[in-house]
Amino acid sequence: MSQDADNAEAETSSVNDALVACLTEIERFVGTSSWGGPPRLFALVRTVDLMKAEPALVGQLAVGSPDSLSSIEQDDFRPGEDLARALAGTAWGEAVDGAAICVERVFLSDQYANEIPDDPDKAATFVAAHPQHQEVRVVAGALRDGSHYGVARLVDHPQDLLGSVNLVPALEAAVLGTLT
């Protein structure tokens, strides 16, 4: 087996199916709202543990497997202009098994990288005004065991959901950092 095949197999085997399912569910939930929303933060808890803690939810939640996760939106999350700082200041209690963040961004493909100004404010204005910009919704999540994953949907391709470990490495790392 080649080194690339070994790496691909290791990455595939490290994917947590419950995390992927939960992030996909979050993306679909957020997708029922219009585009352009603020960042949204979610606590992830094992569904069986949530039902034990909140028996009234038993009829409302489905448990596909013992590892199934449920998301709980943190309605009071207001990151302001610095999402990285807001996440760095976030900590979870032991009952929380993981976390996820949903953000929407505008970007340009790599072919325009040399045209983007170095100044962050000018870059944001440039990208937003560029006729070839694309809008993306990303949901990045992580669990206390270190597993992490991201899913993304482009506004121009609403039928396609992209997903991968390290889809958005810095965002996945920032979410993972909230769990330590």
Protein backbone atom coordinates (compact mmCIF):
# COMPACT_ATOMS: atom_id res chain seq x y z
CA MET A 1 0.00 0.00 0.00
CA SER A 2 1.35 3.46 -0.86
CA GLN A 3 2.01 6.17 1.71
CA ASP A 4 -0.87 8.24 0.27
CA ALA A 5 -3.22 5.27 0.57
CA ASP A 6 -2.09 4.71 4.17
CA ASN A 7 -2.73 8.36 5.00
CA ALA A 8 -6.14 8.33 3.31
CA GLU A 9 -7.10 5.17 5.17
CA ALA A 10 -5.96 6.64 8.51
CA GLU A 11 -7.95 9.82 7.88
CA THR A 12 -11.06 7.90 6.89
CA SER A 13 -10.86 5.61 9.91
CA SER A 14 -10.47 8.61 12.24
CA VAL A 15 -13.75 10.17 11.10
CA ASN A 16 -16.35 10.03 13.83
CA ASP A 17 -19.65 9.09 12.14
CA ALA A 18 -21.74 10.53 14.98
CA LEU A 19 -19.93 13.87 14.65
CA VAL A 20 -20.41 13.94 10.88
CA ALA A 21 -24.13 13.16 11.27
CA CYS A 22 -24.56 15.85 13.91
CA LEU A 23 -22.73 18.52 11.85
CA THR A 24 -24.83 17.61 8.82
CA GLU A 25 -27.97 17.99 10.91
CA ILE A 26 -26.80 21.39 12.20
CA GLU A 27 -26.10 22.57 8.65
CA ARG A 28 -29.58 21.52 7.53
CA PHE A 29 -31.13 23.22 10.58
CA VAL A 30 -29.25 26.47 9.97
CA GLY A 31 -30.09 26.17 6.27
CA THR A 32 -33.78 26.64 7.06
CA SER A 33 -32.89 30.28 7.80
CA SER A 34 -31.84 32.71 5.13
CA TRP A 35 -28.19 33.26 4.24
CA GLY A 36 -26.25 36.02 5.93
CA GLY A 37 -26.80 35.07 9.54
CA PRO A 38 -24.37 35.54 12.42
CA PRO A 39 -22.06 32.80 13.71
CA ARG A 40 -23.96 30.17 15.72
CA LEU A 41 -22.44 28.04 18.46
CA PHE A 42 -23.67 24.60 19.53
CA ALA A 43 -22.88 22.29 22.42
CA LEU A 44 -22.79 18.63 21.41
CA VAL A 45 -23.94 16.00 23.88
CA ARG A 46 -24.54 12.28 23.65
CA THR A 47 -28.25 11.89 22.99
CA VAL A 48 -28.63 9.07 25.53
CA ASP A 49 -27.05 11.27 28.22
CA LEU A 50 -29.29 14.19 27.28
CA MET A 51 -32.40 12.03 27.58
CA LYS A 52 -31.26 10.83 31.02
CA ALA A 53 -30.70 14.42 32.15
CA GLU A 54 -33.90 15.72 30.53
CA PRO A 55 -36.54 12.92 30.55
CA ALA A 56 -39.12 15.25 28.97
CA LEU A 57 -37.11 15.07 25.72
CA VAL A 58 -37.42 11.29 25.37
CA GLY A 59 -40.29 11.47 22.87
CA GLN A 60 -38.64 14.27 20.88
CA LEU A 61 -35.18 12.81 20.27
CA ALA A 62 -34.17 9.82 18.20
CA VAL A 63 -31.22 7.67 19.16
CA GLY A 64 -29.67 6.01 16.13
CA SER A 65 -26.80 4.52 18.08
CA PRO A 66 -25.31 4.82 21.58
CA ASP A 67 -22.86 7.38 20.14
CA SER A 68 -25.54 9.62 18.59
CA LEU A 69 -25.06 13.29 19.32
CA SER A 70 -27.59 16.06 19.84
CA SER A 71 -26.82 19.73 19.34
CA ILE A 72 -27.92 22.49 21.68
CA GLU A 73 -27.66 25.99 20.24
CA GLN A 74 -26.11 28.58 22.51
CA ASP A 75 -28.52 31.45 21.88
CA ASP A 76 -26.47 33.90 23.95
CA PHE A 77 -23.33 33.50 21.79
CA ARG A 78 -22.36 36.94 20.46
CA PRO A 79 -18.81 36.80 19.12
CA GLY A 80 -18.64 40.37 17.85
CA GLU A 81 -15.98 41.07 15.23
CA ASP A 82 -13.38 38.62 16.58
CA LEU A 83 -14.66 35.06 16.30
CA ALA A 84 -11.28 33.56 17.21
CA ARG A 85 -11.16 35.54 20.45
CA ALA A 86 -14.75 34.61 21.31
CA LEU A 87 -14.01 30.92 20.79
CA ALA A 88 -10.77 31.16 22.76
CA GLY A 89 -12.80 32.49 25.68
CA THR A 90 -15.38 29.70 25.50
CA ALA A 91 -15.25 26.73 27.87
CA TRP A 92 -17.66 23.86 28.38
CA GLY A 93 -18.69 21.83 31.40
CA GLU A 94 -18.03 18.10 31.62
CA ALA A 95 -21.53 17.23 30.41
CA VAL A 96 -20.65 18.61 26.97
CA ASP A 97 -19.00 16.05 24.69
CA GLY A 98 -18.19 18.40 21.83
CA ALA A 99 -18.90 21.71 20.16
CA ALA A 100 -19.70 23.09 16.73
CA ILE A 101 -19.72 26.51 15.13
CA CYS A 102 -21.59 27.60 12.02
CA VAL A 103 -20.25 30.57 10.08
CA GLU A 104 -21.03 32.06 6.70
CA ARG A 105 -18.31 33.68 4.66
CA VAL A 106 -17.61 35.20 1.26
CA PHE A 107 -14.52 34.00 -0.59
CA LEU A 108 -12.76 34.03 -3.92
CA SER A 109 -11.14 31.07 -5.63
CA ASP A 110 -7.35 30.79 -5.55
CA GLN A 111 -7.01 32.24 -9.05
CA TYR A 112 -7.73 35.69 -7.56
CA ALA A 113 -5.38 35.41 -4.56
CA ASN A 114 -2.79 37.81 -6.00
CA GLU A 115 -5.42 40.53 -6.45
CA ILE A 116 -6.59 40.57 -2.82
CA PRO A 117 -5.18 43.46 -0.76
CA ASP A 118 -3.04 42.62 2.30
CA ASP A 119 -5.02 44.91 4.60
CA PRO A 120 -7.83 42.79 6.18
CA ASP A 121 -10.50 45.51 5.90
CA LYS A 122 -9.63 46.29 2.28
CA ALA A 123 -9.48 42.56 1.53
CA ALA A 124 -12.97 42.00 2.93
CA THR A 125 -14.36 44.88 0.89
CA PHE A 126 -12.57 43.68 -2.24
CA VAL A 127 -13.80 40.09 -1.92
CA ALA A 128 -17.39 41.12 -1.15
CA ALA A 129 -17.51 43.42 -4.19
CA HIS A 130 -15.79 41.05 -6.61
CA PRO A 131 -18.19 39.68 -9.27
CA GLN A 132 -16.77 36.15 -8.86
CA HIS A 133 -17.13 35.92 -5.08
CA GLN A 134 -18.89 32.92 -3.61
CA GLU A 135 -20.80 32.51 -0.37
CA VAL A 136 -20.24 29.47 1.83
CA ARG A 137 -21.78 28.17 5.05
CA VAL A 138 -19.34 26.11 7.14
CA VAL A 139 -20.11 24.00 10.19
CA ALA A 140 -16.97 22.91 12.02
CA GLY A 141 -17.10 20.63 15.02
CA ALA A 142 -14.93 18.70 17.43
CA LEU A 143 -15.22 16.19 20.24
CA ARG A 144 -13.25 15.87 23.46
CA ASP A 145 -11.48 12.81 22.04
CA GLY A 146 -9.79 15.12 19.51
CA SER A 147 -11.82 14.13 16.48
CA HIS A 148 -12.93 17.02 14.30
CA TYR A 149 -14.68 17.55 11.00
CA GLY A 150 -16.22 20.24 8.82
CA VAL A 151 -19.09 20.44 6.37
CA ALA A 152 -19.75 23.26 3.90
CA ARG A 153 -22.40 24.33 1.43
CA LEU A 154 -22.00 26.93 -1.32
CA VAL A 155 -24.95 29.20 -1.94
CA ASP A 156 -24.52 28.59 -5.70
CA HIS A 157 -24.63 24.80 -5.22
CA PRO A 158 -27.27 24.22 -2.53
CA GLN A 159 -27.65 20.53 -3.38
CA ASP A 160 -23.99 19.75 -2.61
CA LEU A 161 -22.66 19.30 0.91
CA LEU A 162 -18.88 19.10 1.14
CA GLY A 163 -17.23 17.44 4.11
CA SER A 164 -13.80 16.49 5.37
CA VAL A 165 -11.45 16.32 8.29
CA ASN A 166 -9.48 19.58 8.12
CA LEU A 167 -11.96 21.19 5.73
CA VAL A 168 -11.33 24.42 7.64
CA PRO A 169 -8.35 23.52 9.85
CA ALA A 170 -8.08 26.76 11.84
CA LEU A 171 -11.79 26.79 12.63
CA GLU A 172 -11.82 23.12 13.60
CA ALA A 173 -8.78 23.74 15.85
CA ALA A 174 -10.48 26.75 17.45
CA VAL A 175 -13.58 24.67 18.24
CA LEU A 176 -11.40 21.87 19.60
CA GLY A 177 -9.66 24.46 21.79
CA THR A 178 -12.95 25.24 23.54
CA LEU A 179 -13.02 21.67 24.88
CA THR A 180 -9.71 21.68 26.76
